[in-house]
Amino acid sequence: MGKRKLIISALLFVLVSSFLGCATIKVGGNAQLVSSSEEGTKIAEQRYWYVLWGLVPLGDNSTDPYIPSSVKKLRVETTTTFIDGLISLFTGIVTITCRTAEIYEVK
């Protein structure tokens, strides 16, 4: 395999890997988790950072600090937003990726 093909293969691997990963977000707090079909009001949105494409969190990867104690029921959506993908496109070269959690209070 030529040097050019090796470089292209490595870049392709990094690009694809920047959109894959394990990225665990710990969902907790004292509130009851409800079905994803229930509507709610967004109370928080937080981006979580990881190295090794989601294998190791950089810092606290828990939703606890963002859930007020007054919330009784909540729904959490974890996503890779367009911004997360854009960031990971560049930071994925050094194995850093991010994911976003949106926290909704359900009445």
N, C-alpha and C. Protein backbone atom coordinates (compact mmCIF):
# COMPACT_ATOMS: atom_id res chain seq x y z
N MET A 1 0.86 -1.17 0.00
CA MET A 1 0.00 0.00 0.00
C MET A 1 0.90 1.23 0.00
N GLY A 2 0.60 2.16 -0.89
CA GLY A 2 1.40 3.37 -0.99
C GLY A 2 1.16 4.30 0.18
N LYS A 3 2.10 5.23 0.33
CA LYS A 3 2.02 6.18 1.44
C LYS A 3 0.75 7.03 1.36
N ARG A 4 0.39 7.42 0.15
CA ARG A 4 -0.81 8.25 -0.02
C ARG A 4 -2.08 7.50 0.38
N LYS A 5 -2.19 6.24 -0.02
CA LYS A 5 -3.35 5.43 0.34
C LYS A 5 -3.42 5.20 1.85
N LEU A 6 -2.27 5.05 2.48
CA LEU A 6 -2.23 4.86 3.92
C LEU A 6 -2.72 6.12 4.63
N ILE A 7 -2.32 7.28 4.18
CA ILE A 7 -2.75 8.55 4.78
C ILE A 7 -4.25 8.74 4.58
N ILE A 8 -4.74 8.45 3.38
CA ILE A 8 -6.18 8.58 3.10
C ILE A 8 -6.98 7.61 3.97
N SER A 9 -6.49 6.39 4.12
CA SER A 9 -7.17 5.40 4.95
C SER A 9 -7.21 5.85 6.41
N ALA A 10 -6.10 6.40 6.90
CA ALA A 10 -6.05 6.88 8.30
C ALA A 10 -7.01 8.05 8.49
N LEU A 11 -7.05 8.98 7.56
CA LEU A 11 -7.96 10.12 7.66
C LEU A 11 -9.42 9.67 7.60
N LEU A 12 -9.72 8.72 6.75
CA LEU A 12 -11.07 8.18 6.65
C LEU A 12 -11.47 7.49 7.96
N PHE A 13 -10.54 6.73 8.54
CA PHE A 13 -10.79 6.08 9.82
C PHE A 13 -11.11 7.11 10.91
N VAL A 14 -10.32 8.16 10.99
CA VAL A 14 -10.55 9.21 11.99
C VAL A 14 -11.88 9.91 11.75
N LEU A 15 -12.21 10.19 10.50
CA LEU A 15 -13.46 10.86 10.18
C LEU A 15 -14.66 10.01 10.58
N VAL A 16 -14.65 8.75 10.22
CA VAL A 16 -15.75 7.85 10.56
C VAL A 16 -15.82 7.65 12.07
N SER A 17 -14.68 7.49 12.71
CA SER A 17 -14.64 7.26 14.15
C SER A 17 -15.13 8.46 14.95
N SER A 18 -15.02 9.65 14.38
CA SER A 18 -15.46 10.84 15.12
C SER A 18 -16.98 10.86 15.29
N PHE A 19 -17.71 10.04 14.52
CA PHE A 19 -19.16 9.98 14.66
C PHE A 19 -19.64 8.72 15.36
N LEU A 20 -18.73 7.90 15.84
CA LEU A 20 -19.06 6.67 16.55
C LEU A 20 -18.56 6.76 17.97
N GLY A 21 -19.07 5.94 18.84
CA GLY A 21 -18.54 5.89 20.20
C GLY A 21 -19.55 5.38 21.20
N CYS A 22 -19.10 5.27 22.43
CA CYS A 22 -19.92 4.72 23.50
C CYS A 22 -20.60 5.81 24.32
N ALA A 23 -20.00 6.94 24.50
CA ALA A 23 -20.52 8.13 25.15
C ALA A 23 -21.67 7.90 26.13
N THR A 24 -21.38 7.43 27.31
CA THR A 24 -22.38 7.20 28.34
C THR A 24 -22.69 8.49 29.06
N ILE A 25 -23.98 8.80 29.21
CA ILE A 25 -24.42 9.93 30.00
C ILE A 25 -25.26 9.35 31.15
N LYS A 26 -24.84 9.65 32.37
CA LYS A 26 -25.54 9.12 33.55
C LYS A 26 -26.76 10.00 33.83
N VAL A 27 -27.93 9.38 33.84
CA VAL A 27 -29.18 10.08 34.12
C VAL A 27 -29.62 9.70 35.51
N GLY A 28 -29.82 10.71 36.35
CA GLY A 28 -30.19 10.41 37.73
C GLY A 28 -31.04 11.50 38.33
N GLY A 29 -30.79 11.77 39.57
CA GLY A 29 -31.60 12.74 40.30
C GLY A 29 -32.71 12.03 41.04
N ASN A 30 -33.52 12.79 41.74
CA ASN A 30 -34.62 12.22 42.52
C ASN A 30 -35.92 12.16 41.74
N ALA A 31 -35.95 12.67 40.54
CA ALA A 31 -37.17 12.70 39.75
C ALA A 31 -37.42 11.35 39.09
N GLN A 32 -38.68 11.12 38.76
CA GLN A 32 -39.09 9.89 38.06
C GLN A 32 -38.88 10.09 36.56
N LEU A 33 -38.24 9.13 35.90
CA LEU A 33 -38.09 9.17 34.45
C LEU A 33 -39.39 8.70 33.80
N VAL A 34 -39.82 9.40 32.77
CA VAL A 34 -41.06 9.05 32.09
C VAL A 34 -40.78 8.67 30.64
N SER A 35 -41.79 8.21 29.97
CA SER A 35 -41.70 7.76 28.59
C SER A 35 -41.24 8.89 27.67
N SER A 36 -40.53 8.52 26.63
CA SER A 36 -40.04 9.52 25.67
C SER A 36 -41.18 10.14 24.86
N SER A 37 -42.36 9.55 24.91
CA SER A 37 -43.49 10.10 24.17
C SER A 37 -44.19 11.23 24.92
N GLU A 38 -43.89 11.40 26.21
CA GLU A 38 -44.54 12.45 26.99
C GLU A 38 -43.89 13.80 26.71
N GLU A 39 -44.75 14.81 26.54
CA GLU A 39 -44.27 16.17 26.27
C GLU A 39 -43.78 16.82 27.55
N GLY A 40 -42.85 17.73 27.40
CA GLY A 40 -42.32 18.43 28.55
C GLY A 40 -41.73 19.77 28.16
N THR A 41 -41.28 20.50 29.16
CA THR A 41 -40.66 21.80 28.96
C THR A 41 -39.16 21.65 29.19
N LYS A 42 -38.35 22.10 28.21
CA LYS A 42 -36.91 21.97 28.34
C LYS A 42 -36.43 22.85 29.49
N ILE A 43 -35.69 22.23 30.43
CA ILE A 43 -35.16 22.98 31.56
C ILE A 43 -33.64 23.09 31.51
N ALA A 44 -32.99 22.23 30.72
CA ALA A 44 -31.53 22.28 30.64
C ALA A 44 -31.05 21.58 29.38
N GLU A 45 -29.89 22.00 28.92
CA GLU A 45 -29.20 21.35 27.81
C GLU A 45 -27.72 21.40 28.14
N GLN A 46 -27.06 20.26 28.07
CA GLN A 46 -25.65 20.21 28.45
C GLN A 46 -24.87 19.36 27.46
N ARG A 47 -23.69 19.85 27.11
CA ARG A 47 -22.79 19.10 26.21
C ARG A 47 -21.77 18.37 27.08
N TYR A 48 -21.56 17.11 26.79
CA TYR A 48 -20.60 16.28 27.51
C TYR A 48 -19.46 15.92 26.58
N TRP A 49 -18.24 15.92 27.10
CA TRP A 49 -17.04 15.69 26.31
C TRP A 49 -16.40 14.35 26.68
N TYR A 50 -15.83 13.69 25.67
CA TYR A 50 -15.22 12.37 25.84
C TYR A 50 -13.93 12.27 25.04
N VAL A 51 -13.03 11.41 25.50
CA VAL A 51 -11.84 11.06 24.71
C VAL A 51 -11.99 9.62 24.27
N LEU A 52 -11.14 9.23 23.37
CA LEU A 52 -11.17 7.89 22.77
C LEU A 52 -12.54 7.60 22.19
N TRP A 53 -13.10 8.60 21.48
CA TRP A 53 -14.37 8.51 20.76
C TRP A 53 -15.53 8.09 21.65
N GLY A 54 -15.56 8.57 22.87
CA GLY A 54 -16.68 8.31 23.76
C GLY A 54 -16.41 7.28 24.83
N LEU A 55 -15.26 6.69 24.84
CA LEU A 55 -14.95 5.65 25.81
C LEU A 55 -14.72 6.22 27.21
N VAL A 56 -14.04 7.37 27.31
CA VAL A 56 -13.68 7.94 28.61
C VAL A 56 -14.25 9.35 28.71
N PRO A 57 -15.13 9.62 29.70
CA PRO A 57 -15.67 10.97 29.84
C PRO A 57 -14.61 11.94 30.37
N LEU A 58 -14.67 13.17 29.89
CA LEU A 58 -13.82 14.24 30.41
C LEU A 58 -14.65 15.02 31.42
N GLY A 59 -14.52 14.69 32.67
CA GLY A 59 -15.31 15.35 33.71
C GLY A 59 -16.56 14.56 34.05
N ASP A 60 -17.45 15.22 34.78
CA ASP A 60 -18.69 14.59 35.25
C ASP A 60 -19.65 14.42 34.08
N ASN A 61 -20.10 13.21 33.83
CA ASN A 61 -21.04 12.96 32.74
C ASN A 61 -22.44 12.65 33.26
N SER A 62 -22.80 13.27 34.38
CA SER A 62 -24.08 13.06 35.02
C SER A 62 -25.01 14.25 34.77
N THR A 63 -26.30 13.96 34.70
CA THR A 63 -27.30 15.04 34.55
C THR A 63 -27.71 15.62 35.90
N ASP A 64 -27.30 15.03 37.01
CA ASP A 64 -27.74 15.45 38.35
C ASP A 64 -27.63 16.95 38.62
N PRO A 65 -26.51 17.60 38.29
CA PRO A 65 -26.39 19.03 38.62
C PRO A 65 -27.38 19.92 37.86
N TYR A 66 -28.00 19.42 36.82
CA TYR A 66 -28.87 20.24 35.98
C TYR A 66 -30.36 20.00 36.23
N ILE A 67 -30.66 19.13 37.19
CA ILE A 67 -32.06 18.81 37.52
C ILE A 67 -32.41 19.48 38.84
N PRO A 68 -33.27 20.49 38.81
CA PRO A 68 -33.67 21.14 40.07
C PRO A 68 -34.40 20.15 40.98
N SER A 69 -34.27 20.34 42.28
CA SER A 69 -34.89 19.42 43.24
C SER A 69 -36.42 19.48 43.20
N SER A 70 -36.97 20.57 42.63
CA SER A 70 -38.43 20.71 42.55
C SER A 70 -39.06 19.85 41.44
N VAL A 71 -38.24 19.33 40.54
CA VAL A 71 -38.75 18.52 39.42
C VAL A 71 -39.13 17.13 39.91
N LYS A 72 -40.36 16.72 39.62
CA LYS A 72 -40.86 15.41 40.06
C LYS A 72 -40.79 14.36 38.96
N LYS A 73 -41.04 14.78 37.70
CA LYS A 73 -40.97 13.87 36.55
C LYS A 73 -40.13 14.53 35.47
N LEU A 74 -39.33 13.72 34.78
CA LEU A 74 -38.51 14.29 33.72
C LEU A 74 -38.27 13.28 32.61
N ARG A 75 -37.86 13.84 31.50
CA ARG A 75 -37.48 13.05 30.32
C ARG A 75 -36.14 13.59 29.86
N VAL A 76 -35.21 12.72 29.49
CA VAL A 76 -33.89 13.12 29.02
C VAL A 76 -33.67 12.56 27.63
N GLU A 77 -33.26 13.42 26.71
CA GLU A 77 -32.90 12.99 25.36
C GLU A 77 -31.41 13.20 25.17
N THR A 78 -30.73 12.15 24.76
CA THR A 78 -29.31 12.28 24.43
C THR A 78 -29.17 12.20 22.92
N THR A 79 -28.47 13.16 22.38
CA THR A 79 -28.35 13.24 20.93
C THR A 79 -26.95 13.67 20.52
N THR A 80 -26.68 13.48 19.27
CA THR A 80 -25.51 14.10 18.65
C THR A 80 -26.08 15.18 17.75
N THR A 81 -26.00 16.42 18.19
CA THR A 81 -26.54 17.53 17.42
C THR A 81 -25.63 17.85 16.24
N PHE A 82 -26.12 18.71 15.36
CA PHE A 82 -25.31 19.15 14.23
C PHE A 82 -24.02 19.79 14.73
N ILE A 83 -24.13 20.62 15.78
CA ILE A 83 -22.95 21.28 16.35
C ILE A 83 -21.98 20.25 16.92
N ASP A 84 -22.52 19.22 17.61
CA ASP A 84 -21.67 18.14 18.14
C ASP A 84 -20.89 17.46 17.01
N GLY A 85 -21.60 17.18 15.92
CA GLY A 85 -20.95 16.54 14.77
C GLY A 85 -19.89 17.42 14.17
N LEU A 86 -20.17 18.71 14.07
CA LEU A 86 -19.20 19.66 13.51
C LEU A 86 -17.96 19.75 14.41
N ILE A 87 -18.18 19.85 15.70
CA ILE A 87 -17.05 19.89 16.64
C ILE A 87 -16.24 18.60 16.55
N SER A 88 -16.93 17.46 16.57
CA SER A 88 -16.26 16.17 16.53
C SER A 88 -15.52 15.93 15.23
N LEU A 89 -15.97 16.56 14.17
CA LEU A 89 -15.29 16.44 12.89
C LEU A 89 -13.84 16.91 13.02
N PHE A 90 -13.64 17.99 13.78
CA PHE A 90 -12.29 18.53 13.95
C PHE A 90 -11.56 17.92 15.15
N THR A 91 -12.26 17.74 16.26
CA THR A 91 -11.60 17.21 17.45
C THR A 91 -11.44 15.69 17.41
N GLY A 92 -12.16 15.03 16.52
CA GLY A 92 -12.06 13.58 16.40
C GLY A 92 -10.67 13.12 15.99
N ILE A 93 -9.91 14.01 15.39
CA ILE A 93 -8.54 13.68 14.98
C ILE A 93 -7.71 13.30 16.19
N VAL A 94 -7.99 13.94 17.33
CA VAL A 94 -7.28 13.62 18.57
C VAL A 94 -8.19 12.84 19.52
N THR A 95 -9.18 12.16 18.98
CA THR A 95 -10.13 11.25 19.64
C THR A 95 -11.10 11.93 20.60
N ILE A 96 -11.28 13.25 20.53
CA ILE A 96 -12.21 13.95 21.42
C ILE A 96 -13.54 14.12 20.70
N THR A 97 -14.64 13.72 21.35
CA THR A 97 -15.98 13.87 20.80
C THR A 97 -16.91 14.44 21.86
N CYS A 98 -18.10 14.81 21.44
CA CYS A 98 -19.08 15.33 22.40
C CYS A 98 -20.48 14.86 22.04
N ARG A 99 -21.35 14.86 23.06
CA ARG A 99 -22.77 14.52 22.93
C ARG A 99 -23.55 15.53 23.74
N THR A 100 -24.82 15.69 23.42
CA THR A 100 -25.67 16.65 24.12
C THR A 100 -26.83 15.92 24.78
N ALA A 101 -27.15 16.34 26.01
CA ALA A 101 -28.33 15.84 26.72
C ALA A 101 -29.29 17.01 26.90
N GLU A 102 -30.55 16.79 26.53
CA GLU A 102 -31.60 17.77 26.75
C GLU A 102 -32.52 17.22 27.82
N ILE A 103 -32.77 18.04 28.86
CA ILE A 103 -33.55 17.60 30.01
C ILE A 103 -34.88 18.35 30.00
N TYR A 104 -35.98 17.60 30.06
CA TYR A 104 -37.33 18.16 30.00
C TYR A 104 -38.08 17.84 31.28
N GLU A 105 -38.75 18.83 31.84
CA GLU A 105 -39.64 18.61 32.98
C GLU A 105 -41.01 18.25 32.43
N VAL A 106 -41.60 17.19 32.95
CA VAL A 106 -42.91 16.73 32.52
C VAL A 106 -43.88 16.97 33.68
N LYS A 107 -44.99 17.63 33.38
CA LYS A 107 -45.99 17.94 34.43
C LYS A 107 -46.98 16.81 34.58
